[in-house]
Amino acid sequence: METWIDGYNVVKRKKMDERVSLEQAREHLLRRVGAFARVVVWFDAKSKKGSSTESPSASVTVKYVTGTADDAIVDGLRRHKDPRSVVVVTDDLGLAVRCRQLGAEHVDVDAWFANPSGKHRSVESEGPSSKPKPTKSEIDWGLEQFGHLDDERLD
């Protein structure tokens, strides 16, 4: 499995930028995830367009993208030969829905940091759960709120 991390989402959710600059928080995140696993960390960028440098270790690939990291992650999944082999780490529910629609697995930030080894199980693979499955009306509501993934919007 490949792990793709929504960089600034993690920085904000883990409150890494509370006492330091955003740049220092980003560097801290890169060092921290490099100790765990092979990952790709995606960041929105204004000045480092398209760059994939400044990796603190060989296990971390950094992607600074134009536009939003969310859109770049989704575009990357669309081009990926097997998006089902990708785990996307984010607490951004809109991005999580888009990634799951393309076949990727979503893991929330705290769950990934609790078990960064990559042995996450999706809800579907966990078997019976105490959580009830959503009803058709709940699914319809979610699609109404977040929209459908269609090729026209992605081109």
N, C-alpha and C. Protein backbone atom coordinates (compact mmCIF):
# COMPACT_ATOMS: atom_id res chain seq x y z
N MET A 1 0.83 -1.19 0.00
CA MET A 1 0.00 0.00 0.00
C MET A 1 0.88 1.25 0.00
N GLU A 2 0.46 2.23 -0.75
CA GLU A 2 1.11 3.53 -0.74
C GLU A 2 0.34 4.43 0.22
N THR A 3 1.04 5.31 0.90
CA THR A 3 0.39 6.26 1.80
C THR A 3 0.59 7.67 1.27
N TRP A 4 -0.52 8.37 1.05
CA TRP A 4 -0.51 9.75 0.60
C TRP A 4 -1.10 10.59 1.73
N ILE A 5 -0.40 11.64 2.12
CA ILE A 5 -0.82 12.46 3.25
C ILE A 5 -1.19 13.86 2.78
N ASP A 6 -2.35 14.32 3.20
CA ASP A 6 -2.82 15.68 2.95
C ASP A 6 -2.09 16.57 3.96
N GLY A 7 -0.93 17.11 3.56
CA GLY A 7 0.02 17.74 4.46
C GLY A 7 -0.52 18.81 5.38
N TYR A 8 -1.08 19.87 4.81
CA TYR A 8 -1.52 20.96 5.69
C TYR A 8 -2.72 20.56 6.53
N ASN A 9 -3.53 19.61 6.05
CA ASN A 9 -4.64 19.12 6.86
C ASN A 9 -4.09 18.47 8.13
N VAL A 10 -3.03 17.67 7.98
CA VAL A 10 -2.42 17.02 9.14
C VAL A 10 -1.78 18.05 10.07
N VAL A 11 -1.07 19.01 9.50
CA VAL A 11 -0.44 20.06 10.31
C VAL A 11 -1.48 20.76 11.18
N LYS A 12 -2.60 21.11 10.57
CA LYS A 12 -3.66 21.82 11.31
C LYS A 12 -4.35 20.90 12.32
N ARG A 13 -4.68 19.69 11.92
CA ARG A 13 -5.39 18.77 12.82
C ARG A 13 -4.55 18.35 14.02
N LYS A 14 -3.26 18.17 13.81
CA LYS A 14 -2.37 17.78 14.90
C LYS A 14 -1.83 19.01 15.64
N LYS A 15 -2.29 20.20 15.22
CA LYS A 15 -1.91 21.48 15.85
C LYS A 15 -0.39 21.66 15.91
N MET A 16 0.29 21.26 14.85
CA MET A 16 1.73 21.37 14.78
C MET A 16 2.19 22.81 14.59
N ASP A 17 1.28 23.69 14.20
CA ASP A 17 1.65 25.07 13.89
C ASP A 17 1.26 26.04 15.01
N GLU A 18 0.91 25.53 16.18
CA GLU A 18 0.47 26.43 17.26
C GLU A 18 1.59 27.31 17.81
N ARG A 19 2.78 26.78 17.93
CA ARG A 19 3.87 27.53 18.56
C ARG A 19 5.04 27.85 17.62
N VAL A 20 4.91 27.41 16.38
CA VAL A 20 5.98 27.64 15.41
C VAL A 20 5.37 28.12 14.10
N SER A 21 6.22 28.56 13.19
CA SER A 21 5.72 29.01 11.89
C SER A 21 5.18 27.82 11.11
N LEU A 22 4.38 28.12 10.09
CA LEU A 22 3.83 27.08 9.25
C LEU A 22 4.95 26.29 8.57
N GLU A 23 6.00 26.98 8.16
CA GLU A 23 7.13 26.31 7.52
C GLU A 23 7.81 25.34 8.50
N GLN A 24 8.01 25.76 9.74
CA GLN A 24 8.60 24.88 10.74
C GLN A 24 7.69 23.69 11.04
N ALA A 25 6.40 23.94 11.08
CA ALA A 25 5.44 22.86 11.33
C ALA A 25 5.49 21.85 10.18
N ARG A 26 5.59 22.35 8.95
CA ARG A 26 5.69 21.46 7.78
C ARG A 26 6.95 20.60 7.87
N GLU A 27 8.07 21.22 8.23
CA GLU A 27 9.32 20.46 8.36
C GLU A 27 9.21 19.42 9.46
N HIS A 28 8.56 19.76 10.57
CA HIS A 28 8.36 18.81 11.67
C HIS A 28 7.53 17.61 11.19
N LEU A 29 6.45 17.89 10.45
CA LEU A 29 5.62 16.81 9.92
C LEU A 29 6.45 15.88 9.04
N LEU A 30 7.25 16.45 8.14
CA LEU A 30 8.04 15.63 7.22
C LEU A 30 9.04 14.74 7.96
N ARG A 31 9.68 15.29 8.99
CA ARG A 31 10.60 14.48 9.79
C ARG A 31 9.85 13.37 10.52
N ARG A 32 8.69 13.72 11.06
CA ARG A 32 7.92 12.76 11.85
C ARG A 32 7.40 11.60 10.99
N VAL A 33 6.83 11.90 9.83
CA VAL A 33 6.29 10.81 9.01
C VAL A 33 7.41 10.00 8.36
N GLY A 34 8.56 10.61 8.15
CA GLY A 34 9.69 9.88 7.57
C GLY A 34 10.19 8.79 8.48
N ALA A 35 9.96 8.94 9.77
CA ALA A 35 10.37 7.92 10.73
C ALA A 35 9.42 6.73 10.72
N PHE A 36 8.21 6.91 10.19
CA PHE A 36 7.19 5.86 10.24
C PHE A 36 7.18 4.95 9.02
N ALA A 37 7.11 5.53 7.84
CA ALA A 37 6.80 4.73 6.66
C ALA A 37 7.16 5.49 5.39
N ARG A 38 7.09 4.78 4.25
CA ARG A 38 7.23 5.45 2.95
C ARG A 38 5.94 6.18 2.67
N VAL A 39 6.05 7.48 2.45
CA VAL A 39 4.85 8.29 2.24
C VAL A 39 5.09 9.35 1.17
N VAL A 40 3.99 9.82 0.61
CA VAL A 40 3.99 11.00 -0.25
C VAL A 40 3.17 12.04 0.50
N VAL A 41 3.76 13.22 0.72
CA VAL A 41 3.06 14.29 1.43
C VAL A 41 2.79 15.40 0.44
N TRP A 42 1.51 15.77 0.34
CA TRP A 42 1.05 16.77 -0.61
C TRP A 42 0.78 18.08 0.11
N PHE A 43 1.33 19.18 -0.45
CA PHE A 43 1.11 20.52 0.10
C PHE A 43 0.65 21.47 -1.00
N ASP A 44 -0.27 22.38 -0.65
CA ASP A 44 -0.59 23.49 -1.54
C ASP A 44 0.66 24.36 -1.56
N ALA A 45 0.97 24.96 -2.70
CA ALA A 45 2.17 25.80 -2.77
C ALA A 45 1.92 27.03 -3.62
N LYS A 46 2.50 28.11 -3.18
CA LYS A 46 2.43 29.34 -3.99
C LYS A 46 3.74 29.56 -4.74
N SER A 47 4.85 29.20 -4.10
CA SER A 47 6.14 29.51 -4.72
C SER A 47 6.94 28.28 -5.12
N LYS A 48 6.56 27.10 -4.68
CA LYS A 48 7.33 25.89 -5.00
C LYS A 48 6.58 25.03 -6.00
N LYS A 49 5.95 25.64 -6.96
CA LYS A 49 5.06 24.98 -7.89
C LYS A 49 5.67 23.71 -8.50
N GLY A 50 4.94 22.62 -8.32
CA GLY A 50 5.33 21.36 -8.93
C GLY A 50 6.59 20.74 -8.36
N SER A 51 7.20 21.36 -7.39
CA SER A 51 8.44 20.86 -6.82
C SER A 51 8.19 19.61 -6.00
N SER A 52 9.16 18.74 -5.97
CA SER A 52 9.08 17.58 -5.08
C SER A 52 10.44 17.41 -4.41
N THR A 53 10.91 18.48 -3.79
CA THR A 53 12.20 18.48 -3.14
C THR A 53 12.05 18.63 -1.64
N GLU A 54 13.14 18.82 -0.96
CA GLU A 54 13.19 19.05 0.47
C GLU A 54 12.72 17.87 1.31
N SER A 55 12.89 16.65 0.81
CA SER A 55 12.55 15.48 1.61
C SER A 55 13.61 15.27 2.67
N PRO A 56 13.18 15.09 3.93
CA PRO A 56 14.14 14.88 4.99
C PRO A 56 14.71 13.47 5.00
N SER A 57 14.09 12.55 4.28
CA SER A 57 14.60 11.18 4.21
C SER A 57 14.16 10.55 2.90
N ALA A 58 14.78 9.44 2.58
CA ALA A 58 14.46 8.75 1.33
C ALA A 58 13.05 8.17 1.37
N SER A 59 12.47 8.02 2.54
CA SER A 59 11.13 7.43 2.64
C SER A 59 10.01 8.44 2.43
N VAL A 60 10.35 9.72 2.29
CA VAL A 60 9.33 10.77 2.13
C VAL A 60 9.50 11.45 0.78
N THR A 61 8.41 11.49 0.02
CA THR A 61 8.36 12.28 -1.20
C THR A 61 7.44 13.46 -0.93
N VAL A 62 7.91 14.66 -1.21
CA VAL A 62 7.12 15.86 -0.95
C VAL A 62 6.65 16.42 -2.29
N LYS A 63 5.35 16.70 -2.38
CA LYS A 63 4.76 17.27 -3.58
C LYS A 63 4.17 18.64 -3.25
N TYR A 64 4.75 19.70 -3.81
CA TYR A 64 4.18 21.04 -3.71
C TYR A 64 3.42 21.25 -5.00
N VAL A 65 2.13 21.52 -4.89
CA VAL A 65 1.29 21.56 -6.09
C VAL A 65 0.61 22.90 -6.26
N THR A 66 0.36 23.26 -7.51
CA THR A 66 -0.44 24.43 -7.79
C THR A 66 -1.90 24.07 -7.55
N GLY A 67 -2.73 25.03 -7.30
CA GLY A 67 -4.11 24.73 -6.96
C GLY A 67 -4.16 24.20 -5.54
N THR A 68 -5.03 23.24 -5.31
CA THR A 68 -5.13 22.69 -3.96
C THR A 68 -4.52 21.30 -3.92
N ALA A 69 -4.00 20.95 -2.76
CA ALA A 69 -3.49 19.59 -2.58
C ALA A 69 -4.62 18.58 -2.76
N ASP A 70 -5.82 18.94 -2.32
CA ASP A 70 -6.97 18.04 -2.47
C ASP A 70 -7.17 17.66 -3.93
N ASP A 71 -7.21 18.67 -4.80
CA ASP A 71 -7.41 18.40 -6.23
C ASP A 71 -6.24 17.61 -6.81
N ALA A 72 -5.03 17.91 -6.38
CA ALA A 72 -3.86 17.18 -6.88
C ALA A 72 -3.90 15.72 -6.45
N ILE A 73 -4.33 15.46 -5.22
CA ILE A 73 -4.44 14.08 -4.74
C ILE A 73 -5.47 13.33 -5.58
N VAL A 74 -6.61 13.95 -5.81
CA VAL A 74 -7.66 13.31 -6.62
C VAL A 74 -7.16 13.07 -8.05
N ASP A 75 -6.50 14.05 -8.64
CA ASP A 75 -5.94 13.88 -9.98
C ASP A 75 -4.90 12.76 -10.00
N GLY A 76 -4.07 12.71 -8.96
CA GLY A 76 -3.09 11.64 -8.87
C GLY A 76 -3.74 10.27 -8.80
N LEU A 77 -4.83 10.16 -8.05
CA LEU A 77 -5.56 8.89 -7.97
C LEU A 77 -6.17 8.52 -9.31
N ARG A 78 -6.67 9.52 -10.03
CA ARG A 78 -7.26 9.24 -11.35
C ARG A 78 -6.22 8.69 -12.32
N ARG A 79 -4.98 9.14 -12.19
CA ARG A 79 -3.91 8.70 -13.09
C ARG A 79 -3.21 7.43 -12.58
N HIS A 80 -3.43 7.09 -11.34
CA HIS A 80 -2.74 5.95 -10.73
C HIS A 80 -3.19 4.64 -11.35
N LYS A 81 -2.26 3.72 -11.55
CA LYS A 81 -2.62 2.44 -12.18
C LYS A 81 -3.52 1.59 -11.29
N ASP A 82 -3.42 1.77 -9.97
CA ASP A 82 -4.27 1.01 -9.04
C ASP A 82 -4.59 1.86 -7.81
N PRO A 83 -5.57 2.76 -7.90
CA PRO A 83 -5.87 3.63 -6.76
C PRO A 83 -6.29 2.86 -5.51
N ARG A 84 -6.70 1.59 -5.67
CA ARG A 84 -7.05 0.78 -4.50
C ARG A 84 -5.84 0.46 -3.63
N SER A 85 -4.65 0.69 -4.18
CA SER A 85 -3.43 0.42 -3.42
C SER A 85 -2.94 1.65 -2.66
N VAL A 86 -3.75 2.72 -2.65
CA VAL A 86 -3.36 3.98 -2.01
C VAL A 86 -4.23 4.22 -0.78
N VAL A 87 -3.57 4.60 0.32
CA VAL A 87 -4.25 5.03 1.54
C VAL A 87 -4.05 6.54 1.62
N VAL A 88 -5.14 7.29 1.73
CA VAL A 88 -5.07 8.74 1.85
C VAL A 88 -5.35 9.12 3.29
N VAL A 89 -4.41 9.86 3.89
CA VAL A 89 -4.52 10.28 5.29
C VAL A 89 -5.00 11.73 5.32
N THR A 90 -6.21 11.93 5.82
CA THR A 90 -6.78 13.27 5.92
C THR A 90 -7.99 13.24 6.84
N ASP A 91 -8.30 14.38 7.42
CA ASP A 91 -9.55 14.54 8.15
C ASP A 91 -10.53 15.40 7.36
N ASP A 92 -10.19 15.70 6.13
CA ASP A 92 -11.05 16.47 5.23
C ASP A 92 -12.08 15.49 4.64
N LEU A 93 -13.31 15.56 5.13
CA LEU A 93 -14.32 14.60 4.71
C LEU A 93 -14.66 14.70 3.23
N GLY A 94 -14.63 15.91 2.68
CA GLY A 94 -14.89 16.06 1.25
C GLY A 94 -13.83 15.33 0.43
N LEU A 95 -12.57 15.49 0.80
CA LEU A 95 -11.50 14.79 0.10
C LEU A 95 -11.62 13.28 0.31
N ALA A 96 -11.95 12.87 1.51
CA ALA A 96 -12.09 11.44 1.80
C ALA A 96 -13.15 10.80 0.90
N VAL A 97 -14.28 11.48 0.72
CA VAL A 97 -15.34 10.96 -0.14
C VAL A 97 -14.84 10.84 -1.57
N ARG A 98 -14.19 11.87 -2.07
CA ARG A 98 -13.68 11.84 -3.44
C ARG A 98 -12.69 10.71 -3.65
N CYS A 99 -11.81 10.50 -2.68
CA CYS A 99 -10.80 9.43 -2.78
C CYS A 99 -11.44 8.06 -2.76
N ARG A 100 -12.41 7.87 -1.88
CA ARG A 100 -13.10 6.58 -1.81
C ARG A 100 -13.87 6.30 -3.10
N GLN A 101 -14.43 7.34 -3.70
CA GLN A 101 -15.14 7.15 -4.97
C GLN A 101 -14.21 6.63 -6.05
N LEU A 102 -12.94 6.95 -5.95
CA LEU A 102 -11.96 6.49 -6.93
C LEU A 102 -11.31 5.17 -6.52
N GLY A 103 -11.70 4.63 -5.37
CA GLY A 103 -11.20 3.32 -4.96
C GLY A 103 -10.12 3.34 -3.90
N ALA A 104 -9.62 4.51 -3.55
CA ALA A 104 -8.57 4.59 -2.52
C ALA A 104 -9.17 4.38 -1.14
N GLU A 105 -8.33 3.99 -0.21
CA GLU A 105 -8.75 3.86 1.17
C GLU A 105 -8.51 5.18 1.88
N HIS A 106 -9.36 5.52 2.81
CA HIS A 106 -9.19 6.73 3.61
C HIS A 106 -8.93 6.33 5.05
N VAL A 107 -7.95 6.99 5.67
CA VAL A 107 -7.67 6.80 7.09
C VAL A 107 -7.60 8.17 7.71
N ASP A 108 -8.28 8.35 8.85
CA ASP A 108 -8.22 9.66 9.48
C ASP A 108 -6.87 9.87 10.14
N VAL A 109 -6.55 11.11 10.40
CA VAL A 109 -5.22 11.51 10.88
C VAL A 109 -4.84 10.78 12.17
N ASP A 110 -5.71 10.81 13.18
CA ASP A 110 -5.37 10.18 14.45
C ASP A 110 -5.19 8.68 14.31
N ALA A 111 -6.03 8.04 13.50
CA ALA A 111 -5.89 6.59 13.29
C ALA A 111 -4.56 6.25 12.62
N TRP A 112 -4.14 7.06 11.66
CA TRP A 112 -2.88 6.77 10.98
C TRP A 112 -1.70 6.96 11.93
N PHE A 113 -1.71 8.04 12.69
CA PHE A 113 -0.60 8.27 13.62
C PHE A 113 -0.58 7.22 14.74
N ALA A 114 -1.73 6.65 15.07
CA ALA A 114 -1.77 5.58 16.07
C ALA A 114 -1.20 4.28 15.51
N ASN A 115 -1.27 4.11 14.19
CA ASN A 115 -0.79 2.88 13.55
C ASN A 115 -0.24 3.20 12.16
N PRO A 116 0.92 3.85 12.09
CA PRO A 116 1.45 4.28 10.79
C PRO A 116 2.08 3.16 9.96
N SER A 117 2.01 1.93 10.44
CA SER A 117 2.63 0.82 9.72
C SER A 117 1.96 0.52 8.40
N GLY A 118 0.78 1.09 8.18
CA GLY A 118 0.09 0.85 6.92
C GLY A 118 -0.88 -0.30 6.98
N LYS A 119 -1.05 -0.91 8.12
CA LYS A 119 -1.96 -2.04 8.24
C LYS A 119 -3.32 -1.58 8.72
N HIS A 120 -3.88 -0.65 7.98
CA HIS A 120 -5.21 -0.14 8.30
C HIS A 120 -6.24 -0.98 7.58
N ARG A 121 -7.37 -1.10 8.19
CA ARG A 121 -8.45 -1.84 7.57
C ARG A 121 -9.59 -0.88 7.30
N SER A 122 -10.11 -0.96 6.10
CA SER A 122 -11.25 -0.12 5.79
C SER A 122 -12.47 -0.66 6.51
N VAL A 123 -13.50 0.14 6.61
CA VAL A 123 -14.72 -0.28 7.28
C VAL A 123 -15.27 -1.55 6.64
N GLU A 124 -15.18 -1.65 5.31
CA GLU A 124 -15.71 -2.82 4.61
C GLU A 124 -14.98 -4.09 5.00
N SER A 125 -13.67 -4.00 5.33
CA SER A 125 -12.89 -5.20 5.63
C SER A 125 -12.96 -5.61 7.09
N GLU A 126 -13.61 -4.82 7.92
CA GLU A 126 -13.65 -5.12 9.34
C GLU A 126 -14.72 -6.13 9.72
N GLY A 127 -15.59 -6.46 8.80
CA GLY A 127 -16.64 -7.42 9.11
C GLY A 127 -17.76 -6.75 9.88
N PRO A 128 -18.54 -7.54 10.62
CA PRO A 128 -19.65 -6.96 11.36
C PRO A 128 -19.19 -5.85 12.29
N SER A 129 -19.99 -4.82 12.36
CA SER A 129 -19.64 -3.66 13.15
C SER A 129 -20.82 -3.24 14.00
N SER A 130 -20.52 -2.53 15.06
CA SER A 130 -21.59 -2.03 15.89
C SER A 130 -22.25 -0.81 15.24
N LYS A 131 -21.59 -0.26 14.23
CA LYS A 131 -22.18 0.87 13.51
C LYS A 131 -23.13 0.34 12.44
N PRO A 132 -24.33 0.88 12.38
CA PRO A 132 -25.25 0.45 11.32
C PRO A 132 -24.80 1.00 9.98
N LYS A 133 -25.12 0.25 8.92
CA LYS A 133 -24.82 0.74 7.58
C LYS A 133 -25.76 1.89 7.25
N PRO A 134 -25.29 2.86 6.45
CA PRO A 134 -26.17 3.98 6.11
C PRO A 134 -27.35 3.51 5.25
N THR A 135 -28.47 4.17 5.42
CA THR A 135 -29.64 3.86 4.62
C THR A 135 -29.51 4.55 3.27
N LYS A 136 -30.37 4.16 2.33
CA LYS A 136 -30.35 4.79 1.01
C LYS A 136 -30.60 6.29 1.13
N SER A 137 -31.52 6.69 2.02
CA SER A 137 -31.79 8.12 2.17
C SER A 137 -30.59 8.86 2.74
N GLU A 138 -29.83 8.22 3.63
CA GLU A 138 -28.62 8.85 4.17
C GLU A 138 -27.55 8.99 3.09
N ILE A 139 -27.42 7.97 2.27
CA ILE A 139 -26.46 8.03 1.16
C ILE A 139 -26.87 9.12 0.17
N ASP A 140 -28.16 9.16 -0.16
CA ASP A 140 -28.65 10.21 -1.08
C ASP A 140 -28.38 11.59 -0.51
N TRP A 141 -28.60 11.78 0.79
CA TRP A 141 -28.34 13.06 1.43
C TRP A 141 -26.85 13.42 1.30
N GLY A 142 -25.97 12.46 1.57
CA GLY A 142 -24.53 12.71 1.46
C GLY A 142 -24.12 13.09 0.06
N LEU A 143 -24.69 12.40 -0.94
CA LEU A 143 -24.37 12.73 -2.32
C LEU A 143 -24.90 14.12 -2.69
N GLU A 144 -26.06 14.46 -2.13
CA GLU A 144 -26.61 15.80 -2.38
C GLU A 144 -25.71 16.87 -1.77
N GLN A 145 -25.19 16.60 -0.57
CA GLN A 145 -24.34 17.57 0.12
C GLN A 145 -22.98 17.71 -0.53
N PHE A 146 -22.36 16.58 -0.89
CA PHE A 146 -20.99 16.58 -1.38
C PHE A 146 -20.88 16.41 -2.88
N GLY A 147 -21.98 16.05 -3.53
CA GLY A 147 -21.98 15.91 -4.97
C GLY A 147 -21.50 14.56 -5.43
N HIS A 148 -21.76 14.30 -6.68
CA HIS A 148 -21.32 13.07 -7.32
C HIS A 148 -19.98 13.33 -7.97
N LEU A 149 -19.18 12.30 -8.11
CA LEU A 149 -17.92 12.40 -8.82
C LEU A 149 -18.23 12.10 -10.28
N ASP A 150 -18.03 13.06 -11.15
CA ASP A 150 -18.27 12.81 -12.55
C ASP A 150 -17.06 13.25 -13.37
N ASP A 151 -16.90 12.61 -14.52
CA ASP A 151 -15.73 12.87 -15.35
C ASP A 151 -15.67 14.31 -15.82
N GLU A 152 -16.82 14.94 -16.04
CA GLU A 152 -16.85 16.31 -16.53
C GLU A 152 -16.15 17.26 -15.57
N ARG A 153 -16.40 17.11 -14.27
CA ARG A 153 -15.78 17.99 -13.27
C ARG A 153 -14.29 17.72 -13.13
N LEU A 154 -13.85 16.51 -13.44
CA LEU A 154 -12.46 16.15 -13.21
C LEU A 154 -11.55 16.48 -14.37
N ASP A 155 -12.09 16.72 -15.53
CA ASP A 155 -11.24 17.01 -16.70
C ASP A 155 -10.67 18.39 -16.66
